[in-house]
Amino acid sequence: FETLDYSLIVFGNVNTDPSSSIFVYKTSSPSEVGSIELFNDYTLNCLLDVGAGNVDVHGQFDQVFGGQLVINGGTMVCDAPFSSGFRVMDGGLTMSSGLFEQTNNHISMHGTSTVSGGLIRTGGTFASVPTGAFQPSGGEVEIGCANASIITMKGGNYFYDLTIDGGAGGYLGIESGSSVTVNHNCDISSHFDLKGRDMRAGNHLNIFNEGLLEVDENAVLQLGDYCFLNVLPGGTISLIGTEGNMATVNRYTAGYYNFNVAGGGTIQAEYADFSGMGADGIEISPSATVDPAYPFNNCRFHHGEAGGTLLTFKSQQELFIYDAVFPTNFWGGASNVTRNSPVADVFFINSSGGFAGSAGEDDPFNTIHWNTEVELKVYLEGPFNGIDMNTDLEPVDLIPLMQPYGVAPWFYSGTESVSYIPDTDIVDWVLVELRDAFFANWATPDKIVATRAAFLLNDGSIVDMNGGKLLFDVPNISNDLFVVVHHRNHLSVMSLGAGFVDSKYSYDFTDGLYKAYTTGPDGHKEIATGIYGMFAGNGNTDNSVDLLDKAAWATETGTKGYLENDYDMDAQVNNNDKNRPWHENLGEASQVPE
């Protein structure tokens, strides 16, 4: 049956013999095309050669085994209302160009297809399970995501081009046991969730406005050589795994892929593993956004292109990135992180790995900082009241706004200061040093790698100027880290042994005698049962309690203020300072290596 260049409209049922053929054009002159419009359901069991013609089916359309659908420039549109389940294509599909559309329903490709071009559009979702059933050499599949939740691709089946376009409310996930391979281009304009499965893209992977690509725990996104992953304005890529169940982005061929978050695009990343990036690494463009709730915390970056970088920040966004991992550089990378914006800073806190740290950065504006978080607890004997420490200096505004350790013997040049004392729980300023040494007794002042002044709270914790975590901008620790705490009228203490937990240095001086380093005499003292603190009485700041401190005390006795010889730190120098702290501690000396 040939339509020639006429139109056929059928309001009733159409029954075809399996051996019959329908041509929607003039076979002797294929450019002369016709059209068919069917208002009822139709099951294709014979050859339907649309050619460059047009077929509209307003009822449900299915294809049984033995049925053949051929489209070469024409259109076949099936616009029946949604019906649960899939519209099954059990026969063959041959398509070089044109359109095959199930406007409101799902498509399941079960038969053998030969697709080299054209567009297959489904308003719902798409499935192909039998081995080799759908392996196009060209063409595009467009999925509308309506009434859909999963896409099913098994048996080595794949797409050439894939568009997922369900808009803001669209959602599509990959079914268990499936994986999605797109040999050429993939465009995403709605929510596409890998659901812990694998996805491959060969040429371009574009995430457009309202698009969200979710690479979750155990999911693997693999990109081909010179593939471009572009997060475009209004698009988001979310790469969020969990500890031990990373979200992964890597390559599946030789070569490298390009990963760009364009201006207006957003990236979320936590517990994600990135490798195989091109020369610019993961490139965060100007006006792009790194979600501050998921700013690459616990992410791993490695094996990028030789001579390239792993991360490029061009945006003007301040970021705090915790526990990032940069393994030892065996791939010949030029830098770990590149930052070419003088606006805003990027802080890597508690990063680890042989390629972490400032030695590997490309940072002409000095806006990348490699911080170690130091969580400390220490008590001062003088203000300790049996439970915590008194804060007698704070209510009377005696604590200076500028750190007080710029004088002898510390000569610390740091500019830590505040415009007002930010917390009523502040006891005083302390000075904290980090020393990098193989053994504790080798941790002498020449091993200092970082120093900063900080506030001591009444519960013994040491905090930054804003009351937050104490961060040190330091290179990688080569040996072991030892922390020294100085106070202006107490004997200095140094930690004993490693205190790293998950890349963070945490140390509590207060819960053991041997938590303070010593070569013989006690490094600090028991100030209550099972509680330890720094020796008071060092008024002349020479790190020993002796008669010189008594002489210094005598010059200030009877006075009030922020005074070196106020050993109990109650804002006045009197006999209580001499009779209790100084007299009890006479003869003690700091055990910190000098």
Protein backbone atom coordinates (compact mmCIF):
# COMPACT_ATOMS: atom_id res chain seq x y z
CA PHE A 1 0.00 0.00 0.00
CA GLU A 2 1.34 3.41 -1.00
CA THR A 3 -0.16 6.74 -0.03
CA LEU A 4 1.59 8.37 -2.98
CA ASP A 5 1.32 12.08 -2.24
CA TYR A 6 -2.13 11.83 -0.67
CA SER A 7 -3.42 11.81 2.92
CA LEU A 8 -5.14 8.86 4.55
CA ILE A 9 -7.32 9.44 7.61
CA VAL A 10 -8.74 6.44 9.48
CA PHE A 11 -11.28 6.88 12.29
CA GLY A 12 -11.80 3.17 12.83
CA ASN A 13 -9.44 0.29 13.44
CA VAL A 14 -6.56 -0.66 11.19
CA ASN A 15 -5.62 -4.31 10.81
CA THR A 16 -2.61 -5.25 8.72
CA ASP A 17 -1.32 -8.58 7.50
CA PRO A 18 2.21 -9.34 8.77
CA SER A 19 3.37 -9.78 5.18
CA SER A 20 2.02 -6.45 4.01
CA SER A 21 3.91 -3.19 3.53
CA ILE A 22 2.80 0.43 3.90
CA PHE A 23 4.71 3.24 2.22
CA VAL A 24 3.89 6.84 3.11
CA TYR A 25 5.34 8.07 -0.17
CA LYS A 26 5.46 7.18 -3.83
CA THR A 27 8.01 4.39 -4.11
CA SER A 28 8.89 5.34 -7.66
CA SER A 29 9.47 8.93 -6.57
CA PRO A 30 10.27 9.02 -2.80
CA SER A 31 10.24 12.79 -2.69
CA GLU A 32 6.50 12.69 -3.35
CA VAL A 33 5.23 12.01 0.16
CA GLY A 34 1.87 11.53 1.79
CA SER A 35 0.45 11.32 5.31
CA ILE A 36 -1.54 8.94 7.48
CA GLU A 37 -3.65 9.90 10.47
CA LEU A 38 -5.04 7.16 12.75
CA PHE A 39 -7.48 7.95 15.54
CA ASN A 40 -7.55 4.52 17.23
CA ASP A 41 -4.91 2.28 18.75
CA TYR A 42 -2.60 0.64 16.28
CA THR A 43 -0.16 -2.27 16.68
CA LEU A 44 2.43 -2.43 13.93
CA ASN A 45 3.00 -6.00 12.72
CA CYS A 46 4.21 -5.33 9.17
CA LEU A 47 6.47 -2.90 7.35
CA LEU A 48 5.58 0.77 7.85
CA ASP A 49 7.96 2.86 5.77
CA VAL A 50 7.33 6.49 6.61
CA GLY A 51 10.15 7.72 4.41
CA ALA A 52 9.93 11.50 4.38
CA GLY A 53 6.16 11.41 4.95
CA ASN A 54 4.11 11.97 8.09
CA VAL A 55 2.18 9.59 10.33
CA ASP A 56 0.05 10.67 13.30
CA VAL A 57 -1.41 8.09 15.68
CA HIS A 58 -3.85 9.45 18.25
CA GLY A 59 -4.41 6.08 19.92
CA GLN A 60 -1.83 3.90 21.63
CA PHE A 61 0.93 2.66 19.33
CA ASP A 62 2.91 -0.54 19.85
CA GLN A 63 5.02 -2.76 17.64
CA VAL A 64 5.13 -6.55 17.77
CA PHE A 65 7.93 -8.87 16.73
CA GLY A 66 8.17 -8.85 12.94
CA GLY A 67 6.92 -5.30 12.63
CA GLN A 68 9.31 -2.87 10.93
CA LEU A 69 9.26 0.91 11.22
CA VAL A 70 11.39 2.92 8.77
CA ILE A 71 11.80 6.72 8.98
CA ASN A 72 14.06 8.62 6.58
CA GLY A 73 13.31 12.30 7.03
CA GLY A 74 9.64 12.00 7.90
CA THR A 75 7.76 12.07 11.19
CA MET A 76 5.76 9.59 13.19
CA VAL A 77 4.00 11.14 16.16
CA CYS A 78 1.94 9.10 18.64
CA ASP A 79 0.16 11.53 20.91
CA ALA A 80 -2.23 9.30 22.87
CA PRO A 81 -2.74 10.22 26.54
CA PHE A 82 -0.45 8.57 29.04
CA SER A 83 -1.06 4.90 29.69
CA SER A 84 0.82 3.06 32.43
CA GLY A 85 3.63 0.84 31.31
CA PHE A 86 5.78 1.12 28.20
CA ARG A 87 4.84 1.39 24.53
CA VAL A 88 6.88 -1.59 23.39
CA MET A 89 8.87 -1.68 20.16
CA ASP A 90 9.39 -5.43 19.74
CA GLY A 91 10.16 -5.25 16.04
CA GLY A 92 12.77 -3.27 14.14
CA LEU A 93 13.39 0.45 13.79
CA THR A 94 15.43 1.88 10.93
CA MET A 95 15.94 5.62 11.06
CA SER A 96 18.37 7.96 9.30
CA SER A 97 16.64 11.29 9.95
CA GLY A 98 13.27 12.63 10.96
CA LEU A 99 11.19 12.16 14.11
CA PHE A 100 9.67 9.28 16.03
CA GLU A 101 7.69 10.56 19.01
CA GLN A 102 5.62 9.10 21.82
CA THR A 103 4.32 12.43 23.06
CA ASN A 104 3.02 11.32 26.45
CA ASN A 105 4.22 7.74 26.89
CA HIS A 106 7.31 5.70 27.63
CA ILE A 107 9.27 3.87 24.92
CA SER A 108 10.82 0.44 25.35
CA MET A 109 13.13 -0.69 22.54
CA HIS A 110 13.07 -4.50 22.58
CA GLY A 111 13.64 -5.26 18.92
CA THR A 112 16.66 -4.64 16.76
CA SER A 113 17.21 -1.05 15.65
CA THR A 114 19.41 0.57 13.06
CA VAL A 115 19.47 4.26 13.92
CA SER A 116 21.96 6.59 12.27
CA GLY A 117 20.17 9.93 12.69
CA GLY A 118 16.95 11.69 13.56
CA LEU A 119 15.17 12.28 16.85
CA ILE A 120 13.37 9.78 19.06
CA ARG A 121 11.28 11.72 21.54
CA THR A 122 9.41 10.35 24.53
CA GLY A 123 7.33 12.42 26.89
CA GLY A 124 8.01 9.82 29.57
CA THR A 125 11.13 7.70 29.83
CA PHE A 126 13.12 5.21 27.79
CA ALA A 127 14.18 1.60 28.20
CA SER A 128 16.20 -0.93 26.23
CA VAL A 129 17.03 -4.24 27.89
CA PRO A 130 17.76 -7.02 25.34
CA THR A 131 21.43 -7.28 24.41
CA GLY A 132 22.28 -5.09 21.41
CA ALA A 133 18.72 -3.86 20.90
CA PHE A 134 19.58 -0.15 20.80
CA GLN A 135 23.07 0.81 19.67
CA PRO A 136 22.69 3.84 17.39
CA SER A 137 25.49 5.27 15.30
CA GLY A 138 23.81 8.70 15.24
CA GLY A 139 20.63 10.49 16.16
CA GLU A 140 19.19 11.75 19.41
CA VAL A 141 16.86 10.46 22.09
CA GLU A 142 14.91 13.14 23.98
CA ILE A 143 13.30 12.16 27.29
CA GLY A 144 10.57 14.37 28.74
CA CYS A 145 10.40 12.67 32.16
CA ALA A 146 6.61 12.95 32.54
CA ASN A 147 5.10 10.19 34.72
CA ALA A 148 8.61 8.76 34.96
CA SER A 149 11.11 7.95 37.65
CA ILE A 150 13.72 5.67 36.07
CA ILE A 151 15.58 5.01 32.85
CA THR A 152 16.57 1.43 32.05
CA MET A 153 19.56 0.63 29.82
CA LYS A 154 21.04 -2.87 29.93
CA GLY A 155 22.56 -5.41 27.59
CA GLY A 156 25.27 -3.10 26.27
CA ASN A 157 22.71 -0.66 24.87
CA TYR A 158 23.57 3.02 24.61
CA PHE A 159 22.64 6.40 23.18
CA TYR A 160 24.39 8.48 20.57
CA ASP A 161 22.93 11.84 21.67
CA LEU A 162 20.69 12.10 24.73
CA THR A 163 18.58 15.03 25.93
CA ILE A 164 16.84 14.90 29.31
CA ASP A 165 14.34 17.75 29.32
CA GLY A 166 11.62 17.55 31.92
CA GLY A 167 11.97 21.14 33.11
CA ALA A 168 12.11 22.21 36.72
CA GLY A 169 9.76 19.49 37.96
CA GLY A 170 11.20 16.65 35.92
CA TYR A 171 13.06 13.80 37.61
CA LEU A 172 14.75 10.74 36.20
CA GLY A 173 16.96 8.17 37.89
CA ILE A 174 18.88 5.16 36.60
CA GLU A 175 17.31 1.81 37.43
CA SER A 176 19.20 -0.76 39.50
CA GLY A 177 21.42 -2.91 37.30
CA SER A 178 21.45 -0.30 34.54
CA SER A 179 24.05 2.12 33.30
CA VAL A 180 23.75 4.98 30.83
CA THR A 181 26.27 5.45 28.03
CA VAL A 182 26.06 8.43 25.68
CA ASN A 183 28.64 8.13 22.95
CA HIS A 184 28.34 11.71 21.76
CA ASN A 185 26.43 14.59 23.41
CA CYS A 186 24.22 14.65 26.50
CA ASP A 187 22.10 17.69 27.42
CA ILE A 188 20.35 17.86 30.80
CA SER A 189 17.60 20.38 31.58
CA SER A 190 15.91 18.65 34.53
CA HIS A 191 16.90 16.47 37.49
CA PHE A 192 18.90 13.42 36.43
CA ASP A 193 19.97 11.18 39.32
CA LEU A 194 22.56 8.44 38.76
CA LYS A 195 21.28 6.72 41.92
CA GLY A 196 24.62 5.06 42.59
CA ARG A 197 24.95 3.79 38.99
CA ASP A 198 27.42 4.51 36.18
CA MET A 199 27.14 7.00 33.36
CA ARG A 200 29.42 7.65 30.39
CA ALA A 201 29.53 10.66 28.09
CA GLY A 202 31.82 10.83 25.08
CA ASN A 203 31.82 14.35 23.64
CA HIS A 204 29.78 16.98 25.50
CA LEU A 205 27.85 16.78 28.75
CA ASN A 206 25.90 20.01 29.19
CA ILE A 207 23.81 20.90 32.23
CA PHE A 208 21.46 23.72 31.27
CA ASN A 209 19.13 26.02 33.18
CA GLU A 210 16.92 24.00 35.59
CA GLY A 211 19.16 21.00 35.00
CA LEU A 212 20.61 19.04 37.90
CA LEU A 213 22.99 16.12 37.44
CA GLU A 214 23.21 14.20 40.70
CA VAL A 215 26.26 11.96 41.05
CA ASP A 216 25.63 10.40 44.44
CA GLU A 217 27.35 7.82 46.63
CA ASN A 218 28.94 4.95 44.65
CA ALA A 219 27.91 6.60 41.35
CA VAL A 220 30.59 6.92 38.68
CA LEU A 221 30.52 9.56 35.95
CA GLN A 222 33.02 8.63 33.22
CA LEU A 223 34.01 11.05 30.47
CA GLY A 224 35.75 10.45 27.18
CA ASP A 225 38.92 11.97 25.79
CA TYR A 226 38.45 15.71 25.27
CA CYS A 227 34.88 15.50 26.50
CA PHE A 228 33.50 18.83 27.74
CA LEU A 229 31.48 18.77 30.95
CA ASN A 230 29.80 22.18 31.11
CA VAL A 231 27.63 23.41 33.97
CA LEU A 232 25.87 26.31 32.29
CA PRO A 233 23.90 29.26 33.76
CA GLY A 234 21.10 27.97 35.97
CA GLY A 235 22.49 24.42 35.92
CA THR A 236 23.82 22.44 38.88
CA ILE A 237 26.05 19.43 39.24
CA SER A 238 25.86 17.67 42.60
CA LEU A 239 28.63 15.25 43.50
CA ILE A 240 27.87 14.12 47.03
CA GLY A 241 29.01 10.78 48.36
CA THR A 242 29.60 9.54 51.86
CA GLU A 243 32.69 8.34 53.68
CA GLY A 244 33.74 5.08 52.05
CA ASN A 245 31.13 5.51 49.29
CA MET A 246 32.49 8.30 47.14
CA ALA A 247 30.86 9.96 44.18
CA THR A 248 33.37 9.60 41.34
CA VAL A 249 34.24 11.48 38.16
CA ASN A 250 36.94 9.99 35.96
CA ARG A 251 37.77 9.12 32.35
CA TYR A 252 37.09 5.88 30.50
CA THR A 253 39.55 6.35 27.64
CA ALA A 254 43.07 7.63 27.25
CA GLY A 255 43.29 11.40 27.31
CA TYR A 256 41.56 13.97 29.49
CA TYR A 257 38.21 15.72 29.84
CA ASN A 258 37.35 19.36 30.44
CA PHE A 259 35.23 20.33 33.45
CA ASN A 260 33.88 23.87 33.51
CA VAL A 261 31.35 25.48 35.85
CA ALA A 262 30.32 28.56 33.88
CA GLY A 263 29.10 31.85 35.30
CA GLY A 264 25.65 31.28 36.78
CA GLY A 265 26.31 27.55 37.16
CA THR A 266 26.59 25.77 40.52
CA ILE A 267 28.64 22.85 41.80
CA GLN A 268 28.09 20.91 45.01
CA ALA A 269 30.76 18.43 46.07
CA GLU A 270 31.46 16.37 49.18
CA TYR A 271 33.16 12.98 49.45
CA ALA A 272 33.81 13.03 45.69
CA ASP A 273 36.80 11.63 43.81
CA PHE A 274 38.03 13.56 40.76
CA SER A 275 40.65 12.31 38.30
CA GLY A 276 41.42 12.58 34.60
CA MET A 277 40.81 16.33 34.31
CA GLY A 278 42.41 18.39 31.55
CA ALA A 279 44.95 21.16 32.01
CA ASP A 280 42.57 23.51 33.88
CA GLY A 281 41.26 20.81 36.22
CA ILE A 282 37.83 21.60 37.62
CA GLU A 283 37.41 25.18 36.46
CA ILE A 284 35.20 27.48 38.54
CA SER A 285 34.53 30.44 36.25
CA PRO A 286 33.89 34.03 37.30
CA SER A 287 30.34 34.34 38.67
CA ALA A 288 30.05 30.56 39.09
CA THR A 289 28.98 29.29 42.51
CA VAL A 290 30.43 26.62 44.74
CA ASP A 291 27.62 25.72 47.12
CA PRO A 292 28.98 26.80 50.54
CA ALA A 293 27.17 23.83 52.14
CA TYR A 294 29.10 21.41 49.88
CA PRO A 295 32.35 23.20 48.98
CA PHE A 296 34.54 20.16 48.09
CA ASN A 297 34.79 18.93 51.68
CA ASN A 298 36.42 15.48 51.90
CA CYS A 299 37.04 15.42 48.15
CA ARG A 300 40.03 13.78 46.45
CA PHE A 301 41.83 15.31 43.45
CA HIS A 302 44.47 13.42 41.48
CA HIS A 303 45.87 12.23 38.14
CA GLY A 304 45.07 15.27 36.06
CA GLU A 305 46.82 16.18 32.85
CA ALA A 306 50.61 16.46 33.01
CA GLY A 307 51.59 20.11 33.27
CA GLY A 308 48.09 21.08 34.39
CA THR A 309 46.29 21.85 37.61
CA LEU A 310 43.56 20.00 39.51
CA LEU A 311 41.35 22.94 40.51
CA THR A 312 41.07 26.42 39.03
CA PHE A 313 39.21 29.10 40.97
CA LYS A 314 38.36 32.19 38.94
CA SER A 315 35.30 33.15 40.96
CA GLN A 316 35.21 35.87 43.58
CA GLN A 317 33.75 33.63 46.29
CA GLU A 318 35.28 33.03 49.71
CA LEU A 319 35.42 29.31 50.43
CA PHE A 320 36.33 27.10 53.36
CA ILE A 321 37.18 23.58 52.15
CA TYR A 322 37.74 20.91 54.80
CA ASP A 323 39.68 17.65 54.55
CA ALA A 324 40.49 17.74 50.84
CA VAL A 325 42.99 15.12 49.68
CA PHE A 326 45.73 15.71 47.09
CA PRO A 327 47.72 12.46 46.74
CA THR A 328 51.40 12.47 45.83
CA ASN A 329 51.90 13.89 42.34
CA PHE A 330 52.98 10.94 40.17
CA TRP A 331 51.33 12.30 37.00
CA GLY A 332 53.50 15.37 36.45
CA GLY A 333 50.95 18.00 37.39
CA ALA A 334 52.17 21.57 37.56
CA SER A 335 49.98 22.62 40.48
CA ASN A 336 47.33 21.39 42.86
CA VAL A 337 45.18 24.54 42.82
CA THR A 338 45.24 27.62 40.61
CA ARG A 339 43.71 30.86 41.80
CA ASN A 340 43.82 33.91 39.51
CA SER A 341 41.46 36.27 41.29
CA PRO A 342 42.65 38.84 43.84
CA VAL A 343 39.14 39.02 45.33
CA ALA A 344 38.17 36.72 48.23
CA ASP A 345 40.17 33.84 49.69
CA VAL A 346 40.03 30.08 49.47
CA PHE A 347 40.94 28.20 52.64
CA PHE A 348 41.91 24.53 52.52
CA ILE A 349 41.55 23.30 56.08
CA ASN A 350 43.06 20.01 57.26
CA SER A 351 43.98 18.97 53.73
CA SER A 352 46.23 15.95 53.31
CA GLY A 353 48.28 14.06 50.74
CA GLY A 354 51.71 14.50 49.24
CA PHE A 355 50.54 17.17 46.77
CA ALA A 356 48.61 19.25 49.31
CA GLY A 357 49.97 22.53 50.57
CA SER A 358 51.31 25.84 49.37
CA ALA A 359 54.35 24.30 47.66
CA GLY A 360 52.06 22.96 44.94
CA GLU A 361 49.78 25.96 44.41
CA ASP A 362 49.68 28.51 41.59
CA ASP A 363 48.53 31.59 43.47
CA PRO A 364 49.97 34.92 42.26
CA PHE A 365 47.60 36.92 44.46
CA ASN A 366 48.20 34.94 47.67
CA THR A 367 44.51 34.15 48.13
CA ILE A 368 44.89 30.39 48.71
CA HIS A 369 45.51 29.34 52.29
CA TRP A 370 46.40 25.88 53.55
CA ASN A 371 45.15 25.74 57.10
CA THR A 372 45.49 23.17 59.84
CA GLU A 373 42.65 23.20 62.35
CA VAL A 374 44.01 22.99 65.87
CA GLU A 375 41.59 22.08 68.62
CA LEU A 376 43.18 22.63 72.03
CA LYS A 377 42.18 22.55 75.65
CA VAL A 378 44.40 23.96 78.38
CA TYR A 379 43.86 25.40 81.86
CA LEU A 380 45.74 28.17 83.62
CA GLU A 381 46.33 27.42 87.30
CA GLY A 382 45.88 31.03 88.42
CA PRO A 383 42.22 31.65 87.50
CA PHE A 384 41.13 27.99 87.86
CA ASN A 385 38.27 27.69 90.39
CA GLY A 386 37.95 23.92 90.65
CA ILE A 387 35.50 23.61 87.75
CA ASP A 388 36.63 26.07 85.08
CA MET A 389 38.47 29.39 84.97
CA ASN A 390 37.34 32.75 86.26
CA THR A 391 36.96 35.60 83.79
CA ASP A 392 37.65 38.49 86.15
CA LEU A 393 39.59 40.52 83.58
CA GLU A 394 36.81 40.66 80.98
CA PRO A 395 33.99 42.41 82.91
CA VAL A 396 36.24 45.34 83.80
CA ASP A 397 37.53 45.75 80.22
CA LEU A 398 41.12 44.96 81.09
CA ILE A 399 41.84 42.44 78.34
CA PRO A 400 43.65 44.37 75.59
CA LEU A 401 42.14 44.54 72.12
CA MET A 402 45.56 43.84 70.56
CA GLN A 403 47.52 40.66 71.29
CA PRO A 404 50.08 41.35 74.08
CA TYR A 405 52.96 39.12 72.90
CA GLY A 406 54.90 41.61 70.79
CA VAL A 407 57.33 42.18 73.68
CA ALA A 408 60.17 40.12 75.21
CA PRO A 409 60.61 37.22 75.36
CA TRP A 410 58.16 36.36 72.55
CA PHE A 411 58.65 39.29 70.12
CA TYR A 412 55.66 38.05 68.17
CA SER A 413 54.86 40.35 65.24
CA GLY A 414 51.33 39.14 64.55
CA THR A 415 48.59 41.72 64.20
CA GLU A 416 45.72 39.79 65.81
CA SER A 417 43.29 42.30 67.25
CA VAL A 418 39.59 42.95 67.80
CA SER A 419 37.49 46.06 68.03
CA TYR A 420 35.85 44.72 71.18
CA ILE A 421 36.17 41.60 73.34
CA PRO A 422 33.65 39.31 71.59
CA ASP A 423 32.81 36.84 74.36
CA THR A 424 32.23 37.15 78.10
CA ASP A 425 33.82 33.71 78.56
CA ILE A 426 37.26 34.94 77.48
CA VAL A 427 39.93 34.55 80.16
CA ASP A 428 42.93 36.08 78.38
CA TRP A 429 45.15 35.98 75.31
CA VAL A 430 47.50 33.05 74.76
CA LEU A 431 50.19 32.47 72.14
CA VAL A 432 50.16 29.15 70.26
CA GLU A 433 53.09 27.72 68.29
CA LEU A 434 53.23 24.74 65.95
CA ARG A 435 56.55 22.91 65.80
CA ASP A 436 57.41 20.27 63.19
CA ALA A 437 59.91 17.72 64.50
CA PHE A 438 60.65 14.01 64.39
CA PHE A 439 60.91 13.68 68.17
CA ALA A 440 59.52 15.87 70.94
CA ASN A 441 62.96 16.74 72.28
CA TRP A 442 63.92 17.95 68.80
CA ALA A 443 60.97 20.40 68.75
CA THR A 444 63.13 23.43 69.46
CA PRO A 445 62.26 27.01 68.42
CA ASP A 446 63.95 26.56 65.03
CA LYS A 447 61.25 23.96 64.24
CA ILE A 448 58.41 26.51 64.58
CA VAL A 449 56.29 26.50 61.40
CA ALA A 450 53.43 28.72 62.57
CA THR A 451 52.51 31.01 65.44
CA ARG A 452 49.41 32.94 66.32
CA ALA A 453 47.73 34.65 69.22
CA ALA A 454 44.28 33.50 70.25
CA PHE A 455 41.69 33.73 73.00
CA LEU A 456 41.47 31.27 75.89
CA LEU A 457 37.92 30.57 77.07
CA ASN A 458 36.92 29.64 80.61
CA ASP A 459 36.31 26.01 79.60
CA GLY A 460 39.93 25.70 78.45
CA SER A 461 39.29 25.86 74.70
CA ILE A 462 41.39 28.13 72.51
CA VAL A 463 39.55 29.98 69.75
CA ASP A 464 40.15 32.45 66.95
CA MET A 465 39.39 36.17 67.10
CA ASN A 466 35.78 35.60 66.06
CA GLY A 467 35.27 32.73 68.49
CA GLY A 468 35.59 30.16 65.70
CA LYS A 469 38.00 27.34 65.06
CA LEU A 470 41.69 28.01 65.45
CA LEU A 471 43.24 27.76 61.99
CA PHE A 472 46.92 27.87 61.07
CA ASP A 473 48.18 28.63 57.58
CA VAL A 474 50.97 26.07 57.41
CA PRO A 475 52.63 23.86 54.80
CA ASN A 476 52.48 20.09 55.08
CA ILE A 477 53.82 18.72 58.33
CA SER A 478 56.96 16.75 57.44
CA ASN A 479 57.42 14.87 60.71
CA ASP A 480 55.17 15.20 63.76
CA LEU A 481 53.33 18.22 65.04
CA PHE A 482 53.95 19.55 68.55
CA VAL A 483 51.91 22.42 69.96
CA VAL A 484 53.30 24.94 72.44
CA VAL A 485 51.02 27.21 74.48
CA HIS A 486 52.49 30.35 76.06
CA HIS A 487 50.85 32.66 78.58
CA ARG A 488 52.22 35.91 79.92
CA ASN A 489 52.53 34.75 83.56
CA HIS A 490 52.28 30.94 83.43
CA LEU A 491 54.93 28.41 82.44
CA SER A 492 54.69 27.34 78.79
CA VAL A 493 53.66 23.78 77.93
CA MET A 494 54.20 21.56 74.87
CA SER A 495 52.13 18.60 73.70
CA LEU A 496 53.55 15.11 73.89
CA GLY A 497 52.86 12.77 70.98
CA ALA A 498 50.65 12.96 67.92
CA GLY A 499 47.22 14.54 68.12
CA PHE A 500 45.93 14.19 64.56
CA VAL A 501 42.41 12.83 64.11
CA ASP A 502 41.05 12.88 60.52
CA SER A 503 43.61 15.52 59.50
CA LYS A 504 42.62 17.79 62.41
CA TYR A 505 45.00 18.30 65.31
CA SER A 506 43.16 17.85 68.59
CA TYR A 507 44.91 17.88 71.95
CA ASP A 508 43.69 18.11 75.54
CA PHE A 509 46.39 19.10 78.02
CA THR A 510 44.02 18.96 80.98
CA ASP A 511 43.35 15.24 81.41
CA GLY A 512 46.74 13.77 82.25
CA LEU A 513 50.06 14.57 83.88
CA TYR A 514 52.03 13.30 80.93
CA LYS A 515 50.05 15.25 78.37
CA ALA A 516 52.66 18.01 78.79
CA TYR A 517 56.14 17.22 77.49
CA THR A 518 58.91 16.84 80.07
CA THR A 519 62.39 15.40 80.38
CA GLY A 520 62.09 14.93 84.15
CA PRO A 521 60.17 17.45 86.26
CA ASP A 522 56.46 17.74 85.64
CA GLY A 523 55.53 19.80 82.59
CA HIS A 524 52.38 21.07 84.31
CA LYS A 525 50.59 20.41 87.60
CA GLU A 526 47.47 18.78 88.99
CA ILE A 527 45.18 21.69 89.89
CA ALA A 528 42.20 19.51 90.93
CA THR A 529 41.75 15.78 91.16
CA GLY A 530 42.55 14.42 87.70
CA ILE A 531 42.71 17.90 86.17
CA TYR A 532 45.96 19.53 85.07
CA GLY A 533 46.95 23.10 84.26
CA MET A 534 49.88 25.37 83.51
CA PHE A 535 52.03 26.49 86.47
CA ALA A 536 51.32 30.08 87.59
CA GLY A 537 53.90 32.48 89.04
CA ASN A 538 56.08 33.39 86.05
CA GLY A 539 55.78 37.15 86.41
CA ASN A 540 59.05 38.09 84.73
CA THR A 541 58.28 35.82 81.72
CA ASP A 542 61.55 33.85 81.84
CA ASN A 543 59.71 30.49 82.01
CA SER A 544 60.81 29.66 85.53
CA VAL A 545 59.31 30.42 88.93
CA ASP A 546 62.03 31.88 91.13
CA LEU A 547 62.97 34.81 93.35
CA LEU A 548 63.07 37.14 90.37
CA ASP A 549 59.33 36.66 90.04
CA LYS A 550 58.86 37.58 93.69
CA ALA A 551 60.87 40.74 93.10
CA ALA A 552 58.74 41.57 90.09
CA TRP A 553 55.62 40.92 92.14
CA ALA A 554 56.84 43.36 94.78
CA THR A 555 56.98 46.19 92.23
CA GLU A 556 53.28 45.79 91.40
CA THR A 557 51.73 44.69 94.69
CA GLY A 558 48.78 46.83 95.73
CA THR A 559 47.99 47.85 92.14
CA LYS A 560 45.08 46.93 89.88
CA GLY A 561 44.85 46.29 86.15
CA TYR A 562 46.11 43.95 83.44
CA LEU A 563 49.35 43.09 85.23
CA GLU A 564 52.04 40.46 84.72
CA ASN A 565 52.26 39.63 88.42
CA ASP A 566 48.53 39.13 88.89
CA TYR A 567 49.01 35.35 88.97
CA ASP A 568 45.43 34.48 89.93
CA MET A 569 44.21 36.99 87.31
CA ASP A 570 41.61 38.72 89.49
CA ALA A 571 42.66 42.20 88.23
CA GLN A 572 44.79 43.06 91.29
CA VAL A 573 48.24 42.19 92.60
CA ASN A 574 48.26 41.27 96.29
CA ASN A 575 49.50 38.69 98.78
CA ASN A 576 47.23 36.02 97.32
CA ASP A 577 49.38 36.01 94.19
CA LYS A 578 52.59 35.53 96.17
CA ASN A 579 51.40 33.17 98.89
CA ARG A 580 49.58 30.66 96.72
CA PRO A 581 50.71 30.37 93.10
CA TRP A 582 54.24 31.75 93.38
CA HIS A 583 55.20 30.12 96.70
CA GLU A 584 53.70 26.73 95.77
CA ASN A 585 55.49 26.67 92.43
CA LEU A 586 58.85 28.07 93.49
CA GLY A 587 61.58 26.18 91.65
CA GLU A 588 59.40 24.97 88.77
CA ALA A 589 60.44 25.65 85.17
CA SER A 590 58.94 25.17 81.73
CA GLN A 591 59.92 21.89 80.04
CA VAL A 592 59.40 23.19 76.49
CA PRO A 593 62.60 22.55 74.45
CA GLU A 594 64.67 25.67 73.89
